[in-house]
């Protein structure tokens, strides 16, 4: 494995990014308050981008790959969770398990928990309709069933400390949003909600592109070893975006195969490494093909079963 010890976390750089993100978000919120549509609409678009970037920051904060101090990572992880609506500790723990078990479909907790044969025809019709009509339900439903599902989390992580952590992260968001809706209901409805819906429109194809419709074996109850990080690009997909989008909007979140090889490297250093060429595709090509595939096929079947290369 290549030596990456020189790609260390920089708290100075991390603080600068947080300051920039807070400032940009404040500007976006101010623009959404305008009664002039030529100001408000760009403000909504900018706020949606900011929400996406807060999600990406939470991703790195969950890896403890942002600040040198783990405590500071946790604090700002919870701040970021208020924008992404992803409870921080559930995200951190489930996502860690995802990195450990990427490559084993039935052991990876972020893979579908049901088989295609267990879905009703009504549900299949519903998800296919939503995917075809660009109705953004996938990231939201996945988040709800995975990171907000305290009973499932308690089964996965029964340790008292983690039960308390998960409960705190969930109720932290609930409490803050109850206060926001009570004191700033007009802003939340007319400014925040449209931007969050726009964010969902982006995250559905972005997140579905990373692991769906790839050939992944199942352990079938056998004792298996985790796939080594350096081999995980075989089970991930990196969708290629224009350089300016990758750097300034996605914060290199699109370099997914590279991230799986080096999950502890912060995104602001990741671009210094050469990404693997395995499972890469240009974003417009992926989107064009993926939108022609029914959602239940895209999500629950693999390229080996369908022959559809994405």
Protein backbone atom coordinates (compact mmCIF):
# COMPACT_ATOMS: atom_id res chain seq x y z
CA UNK A 1 0.00 0.00 0.00
CA UNK A 2 1.26 3.45 -0.91
CA UNK A 3 2.64 5.53 1.95
CA UNK A 4 0.15 8.32 2.67
CA UNK A 5 1.51 9.44 6.04
CA UNK A 6 2.34 12.84 4.55
CA UNK A 7 -1.38 13.50 3.87
CA UNK A 8 -2.13 14.42 7.44
CA UNK A 9 -5.12 16.28 8.83
CA UNK A 10 -4.68 20.01 9.24
CA UNK A 11 -6.80 21.65 11.91
CA UNK A 12 -5.89 25.08 10.53
CA UNK A 13 -7.17 24.17 7.09
CA UNK A 14 -10.21 22.46 8.63
CA UNK A 15 -11.12 25.62 10.59
CA UNK A 16 -10.80 27.70 7.43
CA UNK A 17 -13.19 25.35 5.60
CA UNK A 18 -15.72 25.49 8.46
CA UNK A 19 -15.52 29.30 8.54
CA UNK A 20 -16.04 29.42 4.77
CA UNK A 21 -18.96 26.98 4.95
CA UNK A 22 -20.69 28.90 7.73
CA UNK A 23 -20.23 32.18 5.87
CA UNK A 24 -21.47 30.79 2.57
CA UNK A 25 -24.50 29.26 4.27
CA UNK A 26 -25.33 32.55 5.98
CA UNK A 27 -25.16 34.37 2.64
CA UNK A 28 -27.38 31.76 1.00
CA UNK A 29 -29.96 32.03 3.80
CA UNK A 30 -29.99 35.82 3.51
CA UNK A 31 -30.60 35.58 -0.24
CA UNK A 32 -33.54 33.20 0.25
CA UNK A 33 -35.27 35.85 2.38
CA UNK A 34 -35.52 38.23 -0.57
CA UNK A 35 -38.91 38.91 -2.16
CA UNK A 36 -37.18 39.37 -5.52
CA UNK A 37 -37.26 36.03 -7.38
CA UNK A 38 -34.06 36.91 -9.26
CA UNK A 39 -32.33 36.93 -5.86
CA UNK A 40 -34.37 34.32 -4.00
CA UNK A 41 -34.08 31.53 -6.60
CA UNK A 42 -30.24 31.71 -6.83
CA UNK A 43 -30.27 31.84 -3.03
CA UNK A 44 -32.27 28.59 -2.87
CA UNK A 45 -29.85 26.94 -5.30
CA UNK A 46 -26.87 28.13 -3.27
CA UNK A 47 -28.46 26.94 -0.02
CA UNK A 48 -29.10 23.51 -1.58
CA UNK A 49 -25.41 23.33 -2.53
CA UNK A 50 -24.46 24.33 1.02
CA UNK A 51 -26.63 21.55 2.47
CA UNK A 52 -24.92 19.07 0.15
CA UNK A 53 -21.53 20.34 1.28
CA UNK A 54 -22.50 20.06 4.94
CA UNK A 55 -23.38 16.42 4.25
CA UNK A 56 -19.95 15.89 2.70
CA UNK A 57 -18.33 17.60 5.70
CA UNK A 58 -20.31 15.32 8.03
CA UNK A 59 -19.00 12.39 6.01
CA UNK A 60 -15.39 13.39 6.73
CA UNK A 61 -16.15 14.38 10.31
CA UNK A 62 -17.67 10.91 10.83
CA UNK A 63 -14.40 9.39 9.69
CA UNK A 64 -12.57 11.64 12.20
CA UNK A 65 -10.69 12.70 9.09
CA UNK A 66 -11.18 16.45 9.33
CA UNK A 67 -9.86 18.00 12.55
CA UNK A 68 -6.99 16.50 14.52
CA UNK A 69 -9.15 16.62 17.65
CA UNK A 70 -11.81 13.91 17.77
CA UNK A 71 -13.92 16.03 20.14
CA UNK A 72 -14.02 18.87 17.62
CA UNK A 73 -14.94 16.38 14.90
CA UNK A 74 -17.89 15.26 17.01
CA UNK A 75 -19.06 18.82 17.75
CA UNK A 76 -19.03 19.91 14.13
CA UNK A 77 -20.38 16.54 13.05
CA UNK A 78 -23.52 17.40 15.01
CA UNK A 79 -23.57 20.91 13.54
CA UNK A 80 -23.36 19.41 10.03
CA UNK A 81 -26.13 16.94 10.90
CA UNK A 82 -28.54 19.85 11.37
CA UNK A 83 -28.17 20.63 7.67
CA UNK A 84 -28.06 17.11 6.24
CA UNK A 85 -30.63 15.66 8.69
CA UNK A 86 -28.35 12.67 9.20
CA UNK A 87 -27.91 11.92 12.94
CA UNK A 88 -24.17 12.05 13.50
CA UNK A 89 -23.37 9.05 15.69
CA UNK A 90 -25.61 6.65 13.72
CA UNK A 91 -23.96 7.94 10.55
CA UNK A 92 -20.47 7.53 12.01
CA UNK A 93 -20.97 3.96 13.23
CA UNK A 94 -23.01 2.59 10.32
CA UNK A 95 -20.72 4.22 7.79
CA UNK A 96 -17.68 2.72 9.51
CA UNK A 97 -19.28 -0.73 9.21
CA UNK A 98 -19.97 0.02 5.55
CA UNK A 99 -16.26 0.61 4.93
CA UNK A 100 -15.34 -2.57 6.79
CA UNK A 101 -17.80 -4.76 4.86
CA UNK A 102 -17.84 -3.18 1.40
CA UNK A 103 -17.67 -6.10 -1.01
CA UNK A 104 -19.95 -8.40 1.01
CA UNK A 105 -23.52 -7.51 0.07
CA UNK A 106 -25.27 -9.20 2.99
CA UNK A 107 -22.83 -7.85 5.60
CA UNK A 108 -22.71 -4.23 4.47
CA UNK A 109 -25.38 -2.41 6.55
CA UNK A 110 -25.90 0.20 3.81
CA UNK A 111 -27.00 -2.41 1.27
CA UNK A 112 -30.75 -3.16 0.89
CA UNK A 113 -31.94 -5.20 3.86
CA UNK A 114 -34.58 -6.99 1.78
CA UNK A 115 -34.26 -9.10 -1.33
CA UNK A 116 -36.11 -8.21 -4.51
CA UNK A 117 -38.42 -11.21 -4.06
CA UNK A 118 -39.60 -9.78 -0.73
CA UNK A 119 -40.91 -6.55 -2.30
CA UNK A 120 -44.59 -6.22 -3.16
CA UNK A 121 -45.58 -5.38 -6.72
CA UNK A 122 -47.09 -2.15 -5.37
CA UNK A 123 -43.80 -1.08 -3.79
CA UNK A 124 -41.86 -1.97 -6.93
CA UNK A 125 -44.27 0.09 -9.02
CA UNK A 126 -43.95 3.01 -6.60
CA UNK A 127 -40.15 3.17 -6.54
CA UNK A 128 -39.98 2.75 -10.32
CA UNK A 129 -42.45 5.62 -10.77
CA UNK A 130 -40.47 7.88 -8.43
CA UNK A 131 -37.14 7.10 -10.13
CA UNK A 132 -38.59 7.66 -13.59
CA UNK A 133 -40.31 10.92 -12.59
CA UNK A 134 -37.35 12.32 -10.60
CA UNK A 135 -39.26 12.22 -7.31
CA UNK A 136 -36.48 12.24 -4.67
CA UNK A 137 -37.44 9.53 -2.20
CA UNK A 138 -34.39 7.27 -2.17
CA UNK A 139 -31.84 9.14 -0.03
CA UNK A 140 -34.59 10.23 2.37
CA UNK A 141 -36.08 6.75 2.78
CA UNK A 142 -32.62 5.21 3.19
CA UNK A 143 -31.70 7.78 5.84
CA UNK A 144 -34.97 7.22 7.71
CA UNK A 145 -34.71 3.43 7.73
CA UNK A 146 -30.99 3.35 8.54
CA UNK A 147 -29.83 6.36 10.56
CA UNK A 148 -33.11 7.35 12.23
CA UNK A 149 -34.20 3.80 13.01
CA UNK A 150 -33.31 3.56 16.69
CA UNK A 151 -34.73 0.02 17.20
CA UNK A 152 -32.55 -1.31 14.36
CA UNK A 153 -29.56 0.65 15.65
CA UNK A 154 -30.04 -0.82 19.12
CA UNK A 155 -29.94 -4.33 17.64
CA UNK A 156 -26.82 -3.55 15.64
CA UNK A 157 -25.08 -1.69 18.49
CA UNK A 158 -26.51 -2.86 21.85
CA UNK A 159 -23.67 -1.36 23.89
CA UNK A 160 -25.04 1.20 26.37
CA UNK A 161 -22.62 3.90 25.25
CA UNK A 162 -23.65 3.62 21.61
CA UNK A 163 -27.35 3.46 22.45
CA UNK A 164 -26.94 6.76 24.32
CA UNK A 165 -24.87 8.27 21.51
CA UNK A 166 -27.38 7.32 18.83
CA UNK A 167 -30.33 8.54 20.89
CA UNK A 168 -28.60 11.84 21.59
CA UNK A 169 -27.83 12.48 17.91
CA UNK A 170 -31.42 11.75 16.87
CA UNK A 171 -33.07 13.82 19.58
CA UNK A 172 -30.57 16.65 19.12
CA UNK A 173 -31.85 17.19 15.57
CA UNK A 174 -35.48 16.77 16.63
CA UNK A 175 -35.15 19.33 19.43
CA UNK A 176 -33.37 21.92 17.30
CA UNK A 177 -35.90 21.62 14.50
CA UNK A 178 -38.84 21.87 16.88
CA UNK A 179 -37.37 25.15 18.13
CA UNK A 180 -36.68 26.38 14.59
CA UNK A 181 -40.20 25.59 13.41
CA UNK A 182 -41.70 27.22 16.51
CA UNK A 183 -39.70 30.46 16.27
CA UNK A 184 -38.98 30.69 12.52
CA UNK A 185 -41.83 28.80 10.87
CA UNK A 186 -42.07 31.13 7.84
CA UNK A 187 -38.36 30.82 7.07
CA UNK A 188 -38.39 27.04 7.49
CA UNK A 189 -41.37 26.64 5.15
CA UNK A 190 -40.60 29.17 2.43
CA UNK A 191 -36.79 29.24 2.47
CA UNK A 192 -35.35 26.12 4.08
CA UNK A 193 -37.77 23.50 2.74
CA UNK A 194 -37.38 24.35 -1.00
CA UNK A 195 -33.57 24.23 -0.67
CA UNK A 196 -33.70 20.90 1.14
CA UNK A 197 -35.92 19.41 -1.59
CA UNK A 198 -33.42 20.64 -4.21
CA UNK A 199 -30.68 18.96 -2.18
CA UNK A 200 -32.62 15.68 -2.28
CA UNK A 201 -32.87 15.93 -6.08
CA UNK A 202 -29.06 15.98 -6.24
CA UNK A 203 -28.34 13.35 -3.58
CA UNK A 204 -30.58 10.63 -5.01
CA UNK A 205 -28.56 10.03 -8.22
CA UNK A 206 -25.29 10.96 -6.50
CA UNK A 207 -25.62 8.34 -3.75
CA UNK A 208 -27.23 5.68 -5.94
CA UNK A 209 -24.29 5.94 -8.32
CA UNK A 210 -21.71 4.83 -5.77
CA UNK A 211 -22.55 1.18 -5.04
CA UNK A 212 -25.69 0.10 -6.90
CA UNK A 213 -25.69 -2.44 -9.71
CA UNK A 214 -22.20 -3.73 -9.01
CA UNK A 215 -21.38 -7.39 -8.62
CA UNK A 216 -20.91 -8.12 -4.92
CA UNK A 217 -20.75 -11.63 -3.40
CA UNK A 218 -22.70 -12.72 -0.33
CA UNK A 219 -21.24 -14.45 2.69
CA UNK A 220 -24.34 -16.67 3.08
CA UNK A 221 -23.66 -17.01 6.79
CA UNK A 222 -20.08 -18.15 6.34
CA UNK A 223 -17.20 -16.59 8.24
CA UNK A 224 -15.48 -14.25 5.80
CA UNK A 225 -12.80 -11.63 6.08
CA UNK A 226 -13.36 -7.98 5.16
CA UNK A 227 -12.14 -6.93 1.73
CA UNK A 228 -8.91 -4.98 2.06
CA UNK A 229 -9.26 -1.26 1.44
CA UNK A 230 -6.92 -1.31 -1.54
CA UNK A 231 -9.19 -3.84 -3.28
CA UNK A 232 -12.50 -2.09 -2.59
CA UNK A 233 -12.68 -0.03 -5.82
CA UNK A 234 -13.92 -3.28 -7.42
CA UNK A 235 -17.10 -2.80 -5.37
CA UNK A 236 -17.46 0.97 -5.67
CA UNK A 237 -18.15 3.33 -8.55
CA UNK A 238 -16.55 6.72 -9.13
CA UNK A 239 -18.65 9.01 -11.28
CA UNK A 240 -16.52 11.62 -13.04
CA UNK A 241 -17.67 15.24 -12.89
CA UNK A 242 -16.05 18.36 -14.37
CA UNK A 243 -13.02 19.36 -12.31
CA UNK A 244 -14.60 22.57 -10.96
CA UNK A 245 -17.68 20.67 -9.75
CA UNK A 246 -15.55 17.97 -8.15
CA UNK A 247 -13.32 20.47 -6.36
CA UNK A 248 -15.57 23.37 -5.40
CA UNK A 249 -19.03 21.82 -5.09
CA UNK A 250 -18.54 18.13 -4.29
CA UNK A 251 -15.34 18.58 -2.28
CA UNK A 252 -13.94 15.50 -4.10
CA UNK A 253 -16.80 13.35 -2.79
CA UNK A 254 -17.04 11.92 -6.32
CA UNK A 255 -13.65 10.20 -5.91
CA UNK A 256 -15.39 7.30 -4.25
CA UNK A 257 -13.09 4.43 -5.16
CA UNK A 258 -10.09 6.45 -3.96
CA UNK A 259 -11.89 7.29 -0.72
CA UNK A 260 -12.53 3.59 -0.07
CA UNK A 261 -8.84 2.90 -0.53
CA UNK A 262 -7.88 5.69 1.90
CA UNK A 263 -10.90 6.39 4.16
CA UNK A 264 -8.83 8.22 6.75
CA UNK A 265 -7.53 10.91 4.42
CA UNK A 266 -9.47 14.21 4.56
CA UNK A 267 -11.14 15.33 1.35
CA UNK A 268 -8.90 18.42 1.19
CA UNK A 269 -5.87 16.12 0.71
CA UNK A 270 -7.50 13.33 -1.31
CA UNK A 271 -6.92 14.96 -4.69
CA UNK A 272 -3.16 14.61 -4.17
CA UNK A 273 -3.50 10.88 -4.87
CA UNK A 274 -4.14 9.23 -8.21
CA UNK A 275 -7.62 7.67 -8.28
CA UNK A 276 -8.10 4.07 -9.45
CA UNK A 277 -9.44 3.67 -12.98
CA UNK A 278 -11.67 0.75 -12.00
CA UNK A 279 -15.44 1.34 -12.22
CA UNK A 280 -15.31 4.92 -13.42
CA UNK A 281 -17.91 6.54 -15.65
CA UNK A 282 -18.75 10.08 -16.75
CA UNK A 283 -21.71 11.51 -14.83
CA UNK A 284 -23.96 12.24 -17.82
CA UNK A 285 -23.40 8.76 -19.21
CA UNK A 286 -24.20 7.15 -15.88
CA UNK A 287 -27.33 9.24 -15.45
CA UNK A 288 -28.57 8.53 -18.98
CA UNK A 289 -28.19 4.76 -18.60
CA UNK A 290 -29.39 4.62 -14.99
CA UNK A 291 -32.59 6.53 -15.73
CA UNK A 292 -33.46 3.96 -18.40
CA UNK A 293 -33.20 1.15 -15.85
CA UNK A 294 -36.17 0.51 -13.51
CA UNK A 295 -35.28 1.37 -9.92
CA UNK A 296 -35.87 -2.15 -8.60
CA UNK A 297 -33.39 -3.50 -11.17
CA UNK A 298 -30.86 -0.73 -10.57
CA UNK A 299 -30.88 -1.16 -6.79
CA UNK A 300 -31.53 -4.85 -6.21
CA UNK A 301 -29.76 -6.53 -9.12
CA UNK A 302 -26.15 -6.55 -10.31
CA UNK A 303 -24.40 -6.13 -13.63
CA UNK A 304 -23.70 -9.87 -13.58
CA UNK A 305 -27.45 -10.56 -13.53
CA UNK A 306 -28.53 -7.98 -16.09
CA UNK A 307 -25.53 -7.34 -18.29
CA UNK A 308 -26.20 -3.61 -17.98
CA UNK A 309 -22.85 -1.90 -17.52
CA UNK A 310 -22.93 1.35 -15.57
